[in-house]
C-alpha cells in the first residue's frame, strides 16, 4: 500500500504520480467496512503537515496502470503504480450450484463462453 519511512518505521500514505500528489486512505462505508481510495492531495499541505523534507520520502511514479495478477502480484510495474488490488480471500474447492444456475440462466447456450 504505502511505502515506509525508514527513520521512523511508519507508513507514508502518499504517492506522487507525474507532478501530482495523492493520499492513500481507508474510506469508511455504511457497512462499517472500509475501502482503499487514492485521492488527490496538495503538496503544500503535505509540507504544512509534515515538513518540506517529508516529500523526499514519497514514492514517485510516472503513471498509473491496472495490471491484474493474483498469482505474481506487483504493486510497481516498471515506473507505474498498479491500481489493481489482489483478491484477499482464499479459494476453496467445492460446488457452486446456485452461482452455476445463475450463470447458465444469463449465458444459456453460451455458458462456456461466459465462464471464459
PDB file of N, CA and C in Angstrom:
ATOM      1  N   UNK A   1       0.834  -1.182   0.000  1.00  0.00           N
ATOM      2  CA  UNK A   1       0.000   0.000   0.000  1.00  0.00           C
ATOM      3  C   UNK A   1       0.875   1.241   0.000  1.00  0.00           C
ATOM      4  N   UNK A   2       1.397   1.669   1.127  1.00  0.00           N
ATOM      5  CA  UNK A   2       2.240   2.857   1.171  1.00  0.00           C
ATOM      6  C   UNK A   2       3.661   2.425   1.501  1.00  0.00           C
ATOM      7  N   UNK A   3       4.618   3.248   1.092  1.00  0.00           N
ATOM      8  CA  UNK A   3       5.991   2.925   1.422  1.00  0.00           C
ATOM      9  C   UNK A   3       6.272   3.300   2.868  1.00  0.00           C
ATOM     10  N   UNK A   4       7.404   2.810   3.394  1.00  0.00           N
ATOM     11  CA  UNK A   4       7.745   3.018   4.795  1.00  0.00           C
ATOM     12  C   UNK A   4       8.788   4.117   4.941  1.00  0.00           C
ATOM     13  N   UNK A   5       8.649   4.883   6.006  1.00  0.00           N
ATOM     14  CA  UNK A   5       9.661   5.851   6.401  1.00  0.00           C
ATOM     15  C   UNK A   5      10.668   5.080   7.252  1.00  0.00           C
ATOM     16  N   UNK A   6      11.852   4.847   6.702  1.00  0.00           N
ATOM     17  CA  UNK A   6      12.836   4.018   7.398  1.00  0.00           C
ATOM     18  C   UNK A   6      13.295   4.628   8.721  1.00  0.00           C
ATOM     19  N   UNK A   7      13.322   5.952   8.813  1.00  0.00           N
ATOM     20  CA  UNK A   7      13.798   6.582  10.045  1.00  0.00           C
ATOM     21  C   UNK A   7      12.820   6.394  11.205  1.00  0.00           C
ATOM     22  N   UNK A   8      11.521   6.376  10.913  1.00  0.00           N
ATOM     23  CA  UNK A   8      10.535   6.252  11.995  1.00  0.00           C
ATOM     24  C   UNK A   8       9.795   4.917  11.979  1.00  0.00           C
ATOM     25  N   UNK A   9       9.873   4.169  10.865  1.00  0.00           N
ATOM     26  CA  UNK A   9       9.160   2.902  10.759  1.00  0.00           C
ATOM     27  C   UNK A   9       7.677   3.052  10.500  1.00  0.00           C
ATOM     28  N   UNK A  10       7.224   4.256  10.136  1.00  0.00           N
ATOM     29  CA  UNK A  10       5.806   4.478   9.870  1.00  0.00           C
ATOM     30  C   UNK A  10       5.536   4.465   8.371  1.00  0.00           C
ATOM     31  N   UNK A  11       4.291   4.152   8.027  1.00  0.00           N
ATOM     32  CA  UNK A  11       3.886   4.142   6.624  1.00  0.00           C
ATOM     33  C   UNK A  11       3.741   5.566   6.109  1.00  0.00           C
ATOM     34  N   UNK A  12       4.141   5.749   4.865  1.00  0.00           N
ATOM     35  CA  UNK A  12       3.944   7.028   4.200  1.00  0.00           C
ATOM     36  C   UNK A  12       2.740   6.859   3.285  1.00  0.00           C
ATOM     37  N   UNK A  13       1.603   7.489   3.620  1.00  0.00           N
ATOM     38  CA  UNK A  13       0.374   7.237   2.871  1.00  0.00           C
ATOM     39  C   UNK A  13       0.216   8.088   1.616  1.00  0.00           C
ATOM     40  N   UNK A  14       1.308   8.605   1.079  1.00  0.00           N
ATOM     41  CA  UNK A  14       1.248   9.469  -0.095  1.00  0.00           C
ATOM     42  C   UNK A  14       2.024   8.835  -1.247  1.00  0.00           C
ATOM     43  N   UNK A  15       1.703   9.269  -2.458  1.00  0.00           N
ATOM     44  CA  UNK A  15       2.499   8.935  -3.626  1.00  0.00           C
ATOM     45  C   UNK A  15       2.427  10.098  -4.593  1.00  0.00           C
ATOM     46  N   UNK A  16       3.430  10.179  -5.423  1.00  0.00           N
ATOM     47  CA  UNK A  16       3.420  11.207  -6.459  1.00  0.00           C
ATOM     48  C   UNK A  16       3.407  10.494  -7.801  1.00  0.00           C
ATOM     49  N   UNK A  17       2.459  10.860  -8.635  1.00  0.00           N
ATOM     50  CA  UNK A  17       2.358  10.304  -9.983  1.00  0.00           C
ATOM     51  C   UNK A  17       2.462  11.488 -10.935  1.00  0.00           C
ATOM     52  N   UNK A  18       3.525  11.468 -11.744  1.00  0.00           N
ATOM     53  CA  UNK A  18       3.806  12.627 -12.577  1.00  0.00           C
ATOM     54  C   UNK A  18       4.114  13.800 -11.676  1.00  0.00           C
ATOM     55  N   UNK A  19       3.365  14.871 -11.817  1.00  0.00           N
ATOM     56  CA  UNK A  19       3.583  16.062 -10.993  1.00  0.00           C
ATOM     57  C   UNK A  19       2.506  16.243  -9.933  1.00  0.00           C
ATOM     58  N   UNK A  20       1.670  15.215  -9.727  1.00  0.00           N
ATOM     59  CA  UNK A  20       0.538  15.315  -8.796  1.00  0.00           C
ATOM     60  C   UNK A  20       0.735  14.397  -7.593  1.00  0.00           C
ATOM     61  N   UNK A  21       0.325  14.896  -6.432  1.00  0.00           N
ATOM     62  CA  UNK A  21       0.386  14.113  -5.201  1.00  0.00           C
ATOM     63  C   UNK A  21      -0.974  13.488  -4.907  1.00  0.00           C
ATOM     64  N   UNK A  22      -0.919  12.308  -4.290  1.00  0.00           N
ATOM     65  CA  UNK A  22      -2.120  11.575  -3.906  1.00  0.00           C
ATOM     66  C   UNK A  22      -1.926  11.013  -2.510  1.00  0.00           C
ATOM     67  N   UNK A  23      -3.038  10.840  -1.795  1.00  0.00           N
ATOM     68  CA  UNK A  23      -3.018  10.212  -0.481  1.00  0.00           C
ATOM     69  C   UNK A  23      -3.836   8.935  -0.543  1.00  0.00           C
ATOM     70  N   UNK A  24      -3.316   7.883   0.063  1.00  0.00           N
ATOM     71  CA  UNK A  24      -3.996   6.596   0.129  1.00  0.00           C
ATOM     72  C   UNK A  24      -4.750   6.562   1.457  1.00  0.00           C
ATOM     73  N   UNK A  25      -6.075   6.436   1.370  1.00  0.00           N
ATOM     74  CA  UNK A  25      -6.895   6.466   2.582  1.00  0.00           C
ATOM     75  C   UNK A  25      -7.780   5.221   2.662  1.00  0.00           C
ATOM     76  N   UNK A  26      -8.246   4.920   3.867  1.00  0.00           N
ATOM     77  CA  UNK A  26      -9.276   3.909   4.080  1.00  0.00           C
ATOM     78  C   UNK A  26     -10.589   4.669   4.216  1.00  0.00           C
ATOM     79  N   UNK A  27     -11.414   4.590   3.182  1.00  0.00           N
ATOM     80  CA  UNK A  27     -12.679   5.325   3.116  1.00  0.00           C
ATOM     81  C   UNK A  27     -13.768   4.501   3.801  1.00  0.00           C
ATOM     82  N   UNK A  28     -14.454   5.051   4.803  1.00  0.00           N
ATOM     83  CA  UNK A  28     -15.482   4.290   5.521  1.00  0.00           C
ATOM     84  C   UNK A  28     -16.744   4.091   4.676  1.00  0.00           C
ATOM     85  N   UNK A  29     -17.357   2.934   4.862  1.00  0.00           N
ATOM     86  CA  UNK A  29     -18.610   2.590   4.192  1.00  0.00           C
ATOM     87  C   UNK A  29     -19.730   2.456   5.222  1.00  0.00           C
ATOM     88  N   UNK A  30     -20.958   2.518   4.769  1.00  0.00           N
ATOM     89  CA  UNK A  30     -22.109   2.374   5.664  1.00  0.00           C
ATOM     90  C   UNK A  30     -22.106   1.018   6.359  1.00  0.00           C
ATOM     91  N   UNK A  31     -21.497   0.015   5.725  1.00  0.00           N
ATOM     92  CA  UNK A  31     -21.447  -1.330   6.299  1.00  0.00           C
ATOM     93  C   UNK A  31     -20.432  -1.446   7.433  1.00  0.00           C
ATOM     94  N   UNK A  32     -19.757  -0.363   7.745  1.00  0.00           N
ATOM     95  CA  UNK A  32     -18.699  -0.296   8.757  1.00  0.00           C
ATOM     96  C   UNK A  32     -17.374  -0.858   8.239  1.00  0.00           C
ATOM     97  N   UNK A  33     -17.337  -1.297   6.991  1.00  0.00           N
ATOM     98  CA  UNK A  33     -16.103  -1.702   6.352  1.00  0.00           C
ATOM     99  C   UNK A  33     -15.422  -0.459   5.795  1.00  0.00           C
ATOM    100  N   UNK A  34     -14.247  -0.647   5.246  1.00  0.00           N
ATOM    101  CA  UNK A  34     -13.570   0.446   4.556  1.00  0.00           C
ATOM    102  C   UNK A  34     -13.071  -0.069   3.212  1.00  0.00           C
ATOM    103  N   UNK A  35     -12.885   0.862   2.281  1.00  0.00           N
ATOM    104  CA  UNK A  35     -12.245   0.540   1.019  1.00  0.00           C
ATOM    105  C   UNK A  35     -11.070   1.496   0.836  1.00  0.00           C
ATOM    106  N   UNK A  36     -10.054   1.013   0.167  1.00  0.00           N
ATOM    107  CA  UNK A  36      -8.896   1.846  -0.096  1.00  0.00           C
ATOM    108  C   UNK A  36      -9.221   2.795  -1.233  1.00  0.00           C
ATOM    109  N   UNK A  37      -8.900   4.068  -1.054  1.00  0.00           N
ATOM    110  CA  UNK A  37      -9.087   5.072  -2.092  1.00  0.00           C
ATOM    111  C   UNK A  37      -7.798   5.856  -2.241  1.00  0.00           C
ATOM    112  N   UNK A  38      -7.559   6.314  -3.452  1.00  0.00           N
ATOM    113  CA  UNK A  38      -6.416   7.180  -3.723  1.00  0.00           C
ATOM    114  C   UNK A  38      -7.003   8.519  -4.150  1.00  0.00           C
ATOM    115  N   UNK A  39      -6.779   9.535  -3.337  1.00  0.00           N
ATOM    116  CA  UNK A  39      -7.373  10.840  -3.597  1.00  0.00           C
ATOM    117  C   UNK A  39      -6.286  11.886  -3.837  1.00  0.00           C
ATOM    118  N   UNK A  40      -6.609  12.863  -4.637  1.00  0.00           N
ATOM    119  CA  UNK A  40      -5.689  13.953  -4.939  1.00  0.00           C
ATOM    120  C   UNK A  40      -5.372  14.717  -3.652  1.00  0.00           C
ATOM    121  N   UNK A  41      -4.099  15.092  -3.489  1.00  0.00           N
ATOM    122  CA  UNK A  41      -3.676  15.795  -2.286  1.00  0.00           C
ATOM    123  C   UNK A  41      -2.739  16.916  -2.676  1.00  0.00           C
ATOM    124  N   UNK A  42      -2.790  17.998  -1.956  1.00  0.00           N
ATOM    125  CA  UNK A  42      -1.991  19.166  -2.258  1.00  0.00           C
ATOM    126  C   UNK A  42      -0.592  19.044  -1.642  1.00  0.00           C
ATOM    127  N   UNK A  43       0.448  19.254  -2.481  1.00  0.00           N
ATOM    128  CA  UNK A  43       1.823  19.170  -1.992  1.00  0.00           C
ATOM    129  C   UNK A  43       2.122  20.175  -0.898  1.00  0.00           C
ATOM    130  N   UNK A  44       1.527  21.372  -0.965  1.00  0.00           N
ATOM    131  CA  UNK A  44       1.729  22.378   0.077  1.00  0.00           C
ATOM    132  C   UNK A  44       1.190  21.933   1.420  1.00  0.00           C
ATOM    133  N   UNK A  45       0.079  21.205   1.401  1.00  0.00           N
ATOM    134  CA  UNK A  45      -0.500  20.685   2.654  1.00  0.00           C
ATOM    135  C   UNK A  45       0.403  19.610   3.243  1.00  0.00           C
ATOM    136  N   UNK A  46       1.032  18.807   2.378  1.00  0.00           N
ATOM    137  CA  UNK A  46       1.982  17.804   2.872  1.00  0.00           C
ATOM    138  C   UNK A  46       3.122  18.520   3.589  1.00  0.00           C
ATOM    139  N   UNK A  47       3.635  19.594   2.993  1.00  0.00           N
ATOM    140  CA  UNK A  47       4.690  20.387   3.643  1.00  0.00           C
ATOM    141  C   UNK A  47       4.213  20.916   4.987  1.00  0.00           C
ATOM    142  N   UNK A  48       3.002  21.468   4.994  1.00  0.00           N
ATOM    143  CA  UNK A  48       2.450  22.051   6.217  1.00  0.00           C
ATOM    144  C   UNK A  48       2.282  21.006   7.316  1.00  0.00           C
ATOM    145  N   UNK A  49       1.812  19.810   6.930  1.00  0.00           N
ATOM    146  CA  UNK A  49       1.550  18.759   7.922  1.00  0.00           C
ATOM    147  C   UNK A  49       2.804  18.027   8.384  1.00  0.00           C
ATOM    148  N   UNK A  50       3.794  17.872   7.485  1.00  0.00           N
ATOM    149  CA  UNK A  50       4.928  17.000   7.793  1.00  0.00           C
ATOM    150  C   UNK A  50       6.298  17.655   7.638  1.00  0.00           C
ATOM    151  N   UNK A  51       6.359  18.852   7.064  1.00  0.00           N
ATOM    152  CA  UNK A  51       7.644  19.497   6.815  1.00  0.00           C
ATOM    153  C   UNK A  51       8.095  19.256   5.386  1.00  0.00           C
ATOM    154  N   UNK A  52       8.918  20.157   4.882  1.00  0.00           N
ATOM    155  CA  UNK A  52       9.331  20.119   3.475  1.00  0.00           C
ATOM    156  C   UNK A  52      10.145  18.880   3.127  1.00  0.00           C
ATOM    157  N   UNK A  53      10.946  18.371   4.050  1.00  0.00           N
ATOM    158  CA  UNK A  53      11.796  17.205   3.751  1.00  0.00           C
ATOM    159  C   UNK A  53      10.987  15.921   3.578  1.00  0.00           C
ATOM    160  N   UNK A  54       9.788  15.896   4.113  1.00  0.00           N
ATOM    161  CA  UNK A  54       8.957  14.683   4.070  1.00  0.00           C
ATOM    162  C   UNK A  54       8.680  14.237   2.635  1.00  0.00           C
ATOM    163  N   UNK A  55       8.495  15.180   1.716  1.00  0.00           N
ATOM    164  CA  UNK A  55       8.144  14.830   0.339  1.00  0.00           C
ATOM    165  C   UNK A  55       9.246  14.047  -0.356  1.00  0.00           C
ATOM    166  N   UNK A  56      10.471  14.148   0.122  1.00  0.00           N
ATOM    167  CA  UNK A  56      11.574  13.364  -0.459  1.00  0.00           C
ATOM    168  C   UNK A  56      11.388  11.865  -0.218  1.00  0.00           C
ATOM    169  N   UNK A  57      10.614  11.512   0.794  1.00  0.00           N
ATOM    170  CA  UNK A  57      10.389  10.108   1.153  1.00  0.00           C
ATOM    171  C   UNK A  57       9.234   9.480   0.378  1.00  0.00           C
ATOM    172  N   UNK A  58       8.452  10.305  -0.306  1.00  0.00           N
ATOM    173  CA  UNK A  58       7.267   9.828  -1.012  1.00  0.00           C
ATOM    174  C   UNK A  58       7.680   9.121  -2.299  1.00  0.00           C
ATOM    175  N   UNK A  59       7.120   7.943  -2.557  1.00  0.00           N
ATOM    176  CA  UNK A  59       7.407   7.199  -3.788  1.00  0.00           C
ATOM    177  C   UNK A  59       6.903   7.978  -4.992  1.00  0.00           C
ATOM    178  N   UNK A  60       7.691   7.936  -6.063  1.00  0.00           N
ATOM    179  CA  UNK A  60       7.374   8.689  -7.274  1.00  0.00           C
ATOM    180  C   UNK A  60       7.177   7.736  -8.450  1.00  0.00           C
ATOM    181  N   UNK A  61       6.140   7.998  -9.241  1.00  0.00           N
ATOM    182  CA  UNK A  61       5.801   7.172 -10.389  1.00  0.00           C
ATOM    183  C   UNK A  61       5.536   8.073 -11.590  1.00  0.00           C
ATOM    184  N   UNK A  62       5.652   7.497 -12.779  1.00  0.00           N
ATOM    185  CA  UNK A  62       5.356   8.242 -13.998  1.00  0.00           C
ATOM    186  C   UNK A  62       3.876   8.190 -14.357  1.00  0.00           C
ATOM    187  N   UNK A  63       3.205   7.090 -14.003  1.00  0.00           N
ATOM    188  CA  UNK A  63       1.814   6.923 -14.405  1.00  0.00           C
ATOM    189  C   UNK A  63       1.139   5.875 -13.521  1.00  0.00           C
ATOM    190  N   UNK A  64      -0.181   5.786 -13.673  1.00  0.00           N
ATOM    191  CA  UNK A  64      -0.956   4.705 -13.091  1.00  0.00           C
ATOM    192  C   UNK A  64      -1.120   3.622 -14.147  1.00  0.00           C
ATOM    193  N   UNK A  65      -1.291   2.373 -13.721  1.00  0.00           N
ATOM    194  CA  UNK A  65      -1.650   1.289 -14.629  1.00  0.00           C
ATOM    195  C   UNK A  65      -2.624   0.380 -13.883  1.00  0.00           C
ATOM    196  N   UNK A  66      -3.204  -0.573 -14.582  1.00  0.00           N
ATOM    197  CA  UNK A  66      -4.116  -1.527 -13.972  1.00  0.00           C
ATOM    198  C   UNK A  66      -3.810  -2.893 -14.565  1.00  0.00           C
ATOM    199  N   UNK A  67      -2.917  -3.639 -13.910  1.00  0.00           N
ATOM    200  CA  UNK A  67      -2.460  -4.942 -14.379  1.00  0.00           C
ATOM    201  C   UNK A  67      -2.917  -6.009 -13.378  1.00  0.00           C
ATOM    202  N   UNK A  68      -4.011  -6.718 -13.674  1.00  0.00           N
ATOM    203  CA  UNK A  68      -4.476  -7.748 -12.738  1.00  0.00           C
ATOM    204  C   UNK A  68      -3.573  -8.971 -12.775  1.00  0.00           C
ATOM    205  N   UNK A  69      -3.211  -9.458 -11.609  1.00  0.00           N
ATOM    206  CA  UNK A  69      -2.414 -10.682 -11.487  1.00  0.00           C
ATOM    207  C   UNK A  69      -2.505 -11.131 -10.034  1.00  0.00           C
ATOM    208  N   UNK A  70      -3.253 -12.195  -9.789  1.00  0.00           N
ATOM    209  CA  UNK A  70      -3.431 -12.670  -8.421  1.00  0.00           C
ATOM    210  C   UNK A  70      -2.422 -13.732  -8.030  1.00  0.00           C
ATOM    211  N   UNK A  71      -1.550 -14.119  -8.948  1.00  0.00           N
ATOM    212  CA  UNK A  71      -0.543 -15.134  -8.644  1.00  0.00           C
ATOM    213  C   UNK A  71       0.808 -14.486  -8.371  1.00  0.00           C
ATOM    214  N   UNK A  72       1.241 -13.594  -9.250  1.00  0.00           N
ATOM    215  CA  UNK A  72       2.521 -12.896  -9.094  1.00  0.00           C
ATOM    216  C   UNK A  72       2.273 -11.388  -9.043  1.00  0.00           C
ATOM    217  N   UNK A  73       1.491 -10.970  -8.065  1.00  0.00           N
ATOM    218  CA  UNK A  73       1.088  -9.573  -7.980  1.00  0.00           C
ATOM    219  C   UNK A  73       2.291  -8.658  -7.755  1.00  0.00           C
ATOM    220  N   UNK A  74       2.280  -7.519  -8.443  1.00  0.00           N
ATOM    221  CA  UNK A  74       3.302  -6.498  -8.249  1.00  0.00           C
ATOM    222  C   UNK A  74       2.608  -5.138  -8.137  1.00  0.00           C
ATOM    223  N   UNK A  75       2.954  -4.372  -7.120  1.00  0.00           N
ATOM    224  CA  UNK A  75       2.411  -3.021  -6.967  1.00  0.00           C
ATOM    225  C   UNK A  75       3.038  -2.093  -7.999  1.00  0.00           C
ATOM    226  N   UNK A  76       4.341  -2.239  -8.232  1.00  0.00           N
ATOM    227  CA  UNK A  76       5.045  -1.391  -9.184  1.00  0.00           C
ATOM    228  C   UNK A  76       5.274  -2.168 -10.471  1.00  0.00           C
ATOM    229  N   UNK A  77       4.818  -1.621 -11.587  1.00  0.00           N
ATOM    230  CA  UNK A  77       5.055  -2.207 -12.905  1.00  0.00           C
ATOM    231  C   UNK A  77       5.895  -1.183 -13.661  1.00  0.00           C
ATOM    232  N   UNK A  78       7.175  -1.498 -13.831  1.00  0.00           N
ATOM    233  CA  UNK A  78       8.076  -0.502 -14.398  1.00  0.00           C
ATOM    234  C   UNK A  78       8.094   0.692 -13.462  1.00  0.00           C
ATOM    235  N   UNK A  79       7.820   1.863 -13.995  1.00  0.00           N
ATOM    236  CA  UNK A  79       7.742   3.058 -13.151  1.00  0.00           C
ATOM    237  C   UNK A  79       6.294   3.542 -13.037  1.00  0.00           C
ATOM    238  N   UNK A  80       5.368   2.573 -13.024  1.00  0.00           N
ATOM    239  CA  UNK A  80       3.942   2.891 -12.886  1.00  0.00           C
ATOM    240  C   UNK A  80       3.391   2.270 -11.611  1.00  0.00           C
ATOM    241  N   UNK A  81       2.397   2.925 -11.023  1.00  0.00           N
ATOM    242  CA  UNK A  81       1.736   2.447  -9.816  1.00  0.00           C
ATOM    243  C   UNK A  81       0.525   1.620 -10.229  1.00  0.00           C
ATOM    244  N   UNK A  82       0.521   0.339  -9.872  1.00  0.00           N
ATOM    245  CA  UNK A  82      -0.556  -0.572 -10.244  1.00  0.00           C
ATOM    246  C   UNK A  82      -1.768  -0.351  -9.338  1.00  0.00           C
ATOM    247  N   UNK A  83      -2.871   0.094  -9.927  1.00  0.00           N
ATOM    248  CA  UNK A  83      -4.094   0.342  -9.175  1.00  0.00           C
ATOM    249  C   UNK A  83      -4.846  -0.942  -8.812  1.00  0.00           C
ATOM    250  N   UNK A  84      -4.510  -2.045  -9.489  1.00  0.00           N
ATOM    251  CA  UNK A  84      -5.199  -3.307  -9.224  1.00  0.00           C
ATOM    252  C   UNK A  84      -4.905  -3.773  -7.803  1.00  0.00           C
ATOM    253  N   UNK A  85      -5.930  -4.244  -7.119  1.00  0.00           N
ATOM    254  CA  UNK A  85      -5.780  -4.809  -5.780  1.00  0.00           C
ATOM    255  C   UNK A  85      -5.983  -6.314  -5.862  1.00  0.00           C
ATOM    256  N   UNK A  86      -5.034  -7.085  -5.357  1.00  0.00           N
ATOM    257  CA  UNK A  86      -5.189  -8.537  -5.426  1.00  0.00           C
ATOM    258  C   UNK A  86      -6.370  -9.020  -4.580  1.00  0.00           C
ATOM    259  N   UNK A  87      -6.910 -10.158  -4.953  1.00  0.00           N
ATOM    260  CA  UNK A  87      -8.011 -10.764  -4.206  1.00  0.00           C
ATOM    261  C   UNK A  87      -7.478 -11.171  -2.840  1.00  0.00           C
ATOM    262  N   UNK A  88      -8.203 -10.817  -1.788  1.00  0.00           N
ATOM    263  CA  UNK A  88      -7.696 -11.081  -0.444  1.00  0.00           C
ATOM    264  C   UNK A  88      -8.435 -12.213   0.275  1.00  0.00           C
ATOM    265  N   UNK A  89      -9.090 -13.074  -0.469  1.00  0.00           N
ATOM    266  CA  UNK A  89      -9.743 -14.209   0.172  1.00  0.00           C
ATOM    267  C   UNK A  89      -9.175 -15.504  -0.395  1.00  0.00           C
ATOM    268  N   UNK A  90      -9.344 -16.571   0.356  1.00  0.00           N
ATOM    269  CA  UNK A  90      -8.823 -17.869  -0.052  1.00  0.00           C
ATOM    270  C   UNK A  90      -9.828 -18.600  -0.921  1.00  0.00           C
ATOM    271  N   UNK A  91      -9.302 -19.263  -1.946  1.00  0.00           N
ATOM    272  CA  UNK A  91     -10.161 -20.093  -2.784  1.00  0.00           C
ATOM    273  C   UNK A  91     -10.245 -21.482  -2.165  1.00  0.00           C
ATOM    274  N   UNK A  92     -11.424 -22.079  -2.216  1.00  0.00           N
ATOM    275  CA  UNK A  92     -11.580 -23.455  -1.751  1.00  0.00           C
ATOM    276  C   UNK A  92     -12.348 -24.225  -2.813  1.00  0.00           C
ATOM    277  N   UNK A  93     -12.002 -25.485  -2.957  1.00  0.00           N
ATOM    278  CA  UNK A  93     -12.715 -26.336  -3.895  1.00  0.00           C
ATOM    279  C   UNK A  93     -14.092 -26.664  -3.334  1.00  0.00           C
ATOM    280  N   UNK A  94     -15.044 -26.769  -4.215  1.00  0.00           N
ATOM    281  CA  UNK A  94     -16.385 -27.103  -3.774  1.00  0.00           C
ATOM    282  C   UNK A  94     -17.385 -26.897  -4.891  1.00  0.00           C
ATOM    283  N   UNK A  95     -18.623 -27.121  -4.578  1.00  0.00           N
ATOM    284  CA  UNK A  95     -19.685 -26.954  -5.561  1.00  0.00           C
ATOM    285  C   UNK A  95     -20.204 -25.525  -5.503  1.00  0.00           C
ATOM    286  N   UNK A  96     -20.778 -25.096  -6.609  1.00  0.00           N
ATOM    287  CA  UNK A  96     -21.326 -23.738  -6.689  1.00  0.00           C
ATOM    288  C   UNK A  96     -22.647 -23.771  -7.446  1.00  0.00           C
ATOM    289  N   UNK A  97     -23.568 -24.598  -6.944  1.00  0.00           N
ATOM    290  CA  UNK A  97     -24.819 -24.845  -7.651  1.00  0.00           C
ATOM    291  C   UNK A  97     -25.616 -23.570  -7.931  1.00  0.00           C
ATOM    292  N   UNK A  98     -25.783 -22.719  -6.957  1.00  0.00           N
ATOM    293  CA  UNK A  98     -26.602 -21.517  -7.132  1.00  0.00           C
ATOM    294  C   UNK A  98     -25.966 -20.580  -8.160  1.00  0.00           C
ATOM    295  N   UNK A  99     -24.687 -20.356  -8.028  1.00  0.00           N
ATOM    296  CA  UNK A  99     -23.985 -19.476  -8.969  1.00  0.00           C
ATOM    297  C   UNK A  99     -24.001 -20.094 -10.368  1.00  0.00           C
ATOM    298  N   UNK A 100     -23.816 -21.405 -10.439  1.00  0.00           N
ATOM    299  CA  UNK A 100     -23.829 -22.076 -11.741  1.00  0.00           C
ATOM    300  C   UNK A 100     -25.196 -21.934 -12.422  1.00  0.00           C
ATOM    301  N   UNK A 101     -26.273 -22.095 -11.666  1.00  0.00           N
ATOM    302  CA  UNK A 101     -27.614 -21.908 -12.229  1.00  0.00           C
ATOM    303  C   UNK A 101     -27.801 -20.477 -12.742  1.00  0.00           C
ATOM    304  N   UNK A 102     -27.321 -19.520 -11.978  1.00  0.00           N
ATOM    305  CA  UNK A 102     -27.430 -18.121 -12.372  1.00  0.00           C
ATOM    306  C   UNK A 102     -26.649 -17.859 -13.660  1.00  0.00           C
ATOM    307  N   UNK A 103     -25.428 -18.376 -13.751  1.00  0.00           N
ATOM    308  CA  UNK A 103     -24.609 -18.192 -14.954  1.00  0.00           C
ATOM    309  C   UNK A 103     -25.247 -18.871 -16.169  1.00  0.00           C
ATOM    310  N   UNK A 104     -25.807 -20.058 -15.976  1.00  0.00           N
ATOM    311  CA  UNK A 104     -26.477 -20.746 -17.085  1.00  0.00           C
ATOM    312  C   UNK A 104     -27.709 -19.968 -17.539  1.00  0.00           C
ATOM    313  N   UNK A 105     -28.405 -19.350 -16.593  1.00  0.00           N
ATOM    314  CA  UNK A 105     -29.565 -18.529 -16.935  1.00  0.00           C
ATOM    315  C   UNK A 105     -29.138 -17.321 -17.774  1.00  0.00           C
ATOM    316  N   UNK A 106     -28.064 -16.672 -17.367  1.00  0.00           N
ATOM    317  CA  UNK A 106     -27.605 -15.476 -18.074  1.00  0.00           C
ATOM    318  C   UNK A 106     -27.048 -15.814 -19.456  1.00  0.00           C
ATOM    319  N   UNK A 107     -26.184 -16.825 -19.520  1.00  0.00           N
ATOM    320  CA  UNK A 107     -25.465 -17.110 -20.764  1.00  0.00           C
ATOM    321  C   UNK A 107     -26.130 -18.182 -21.624  1.00  0.00           C
ATOM    322  N   UNK A 108     -27.071 -18.911 -21.075  1.00  0.00           N
ATOM    323  CA  UNK A 108     -27.789 -20.008 -21.751  1.00  0.00           C
ATOM    324  C   UNK A 108     -26.852 -20.831 -22.635  1.00  0.00           C
ATOM    325  N   UNK A 109     -27.047 -20.837 -23.953  1.00  0.00           N
ATOM    326  CA  UNK A 109     -26.229 -21.709 -24.812  1.00  0.00           C
ATOM    327  C   UNK A 109     -24.775 -21.231 -24.918  1.00  0.00           C
ATOM    328  N   UNK A 110     -24.474 -20.046 -24.406  1.00  0.00           N
ATOM    329  CA  UNK A 110     -23.090 -19.545 -24.420  1.00  0.00           C
ATOM    330  C   UNK A 110     -22.463 -19.646 -23.024  1.00  0.00           C
ATOM    331  N   UNK A 111     -22.890 -20.626 -22.252  1.00  0.00           N
ATOM    332  CA  UNK A 111     -22.424 -20.807 -20.887  1.00  0.00           C
ATOM    333  C   UNK A 111     -20.902 -20.926 -20.806  1.00  0.00           C
ATOM    334  N   UNK A 112     -20.316 -21.763 -21.634  1.00  0.00           N
ATOM    335  CA  UNK A 112     -18.857 -21.960 -21.613  1.00  0.00           C
ATOM    336  C   UNK A 112     -18.144 -20.653 -21.942  1.00  0.00           C
ATOM    337  N   UNK A 113     -18.665 -19.933 -22.912  1.00  0.00           N
ATOM    338  CA  UNK A 113     -18.075 -18.624 -23.251  1.00  0.00           C
ATOM    339  C   UNK A 113     -18.191 -17.687 -22.051  1.00  0.00           C
ATOM    340  N   UNK A 114     -19.287 -17.736 -21.346  1.00  0.00           N
ATOM    341  CA  UNK A 114     -19.465 -16.915 -20.162  1.00  0.00           C
ATOM    342  C   UNK A 114     -18.473 -17.245 -19.079  1.00  0.00           C
ATOM    343  N   UNK A 115     -18.132 -18.520 -18.932  1.00  0.00           N
ATOM    344  CA  UNK A 115     -17.122 -18.920 -17.945  1.00  0.00           C
ATOM    345  C   UNK A 115     -15.754 -18.375 -18.322  1.00  0.00           C
ATOM    346  N   UNK A 116     -15.496 -18.345 -19.619  1.00  0.00           N
ATOM    347  CA  UNK A 116     -14.193 -17.810 -20.074  1.00  0.00           C
ATOM    348  C   UNK A 116     -14.113 -16.331 -19.774  1.00  0.00           C
TER     349      UNK A 116
END
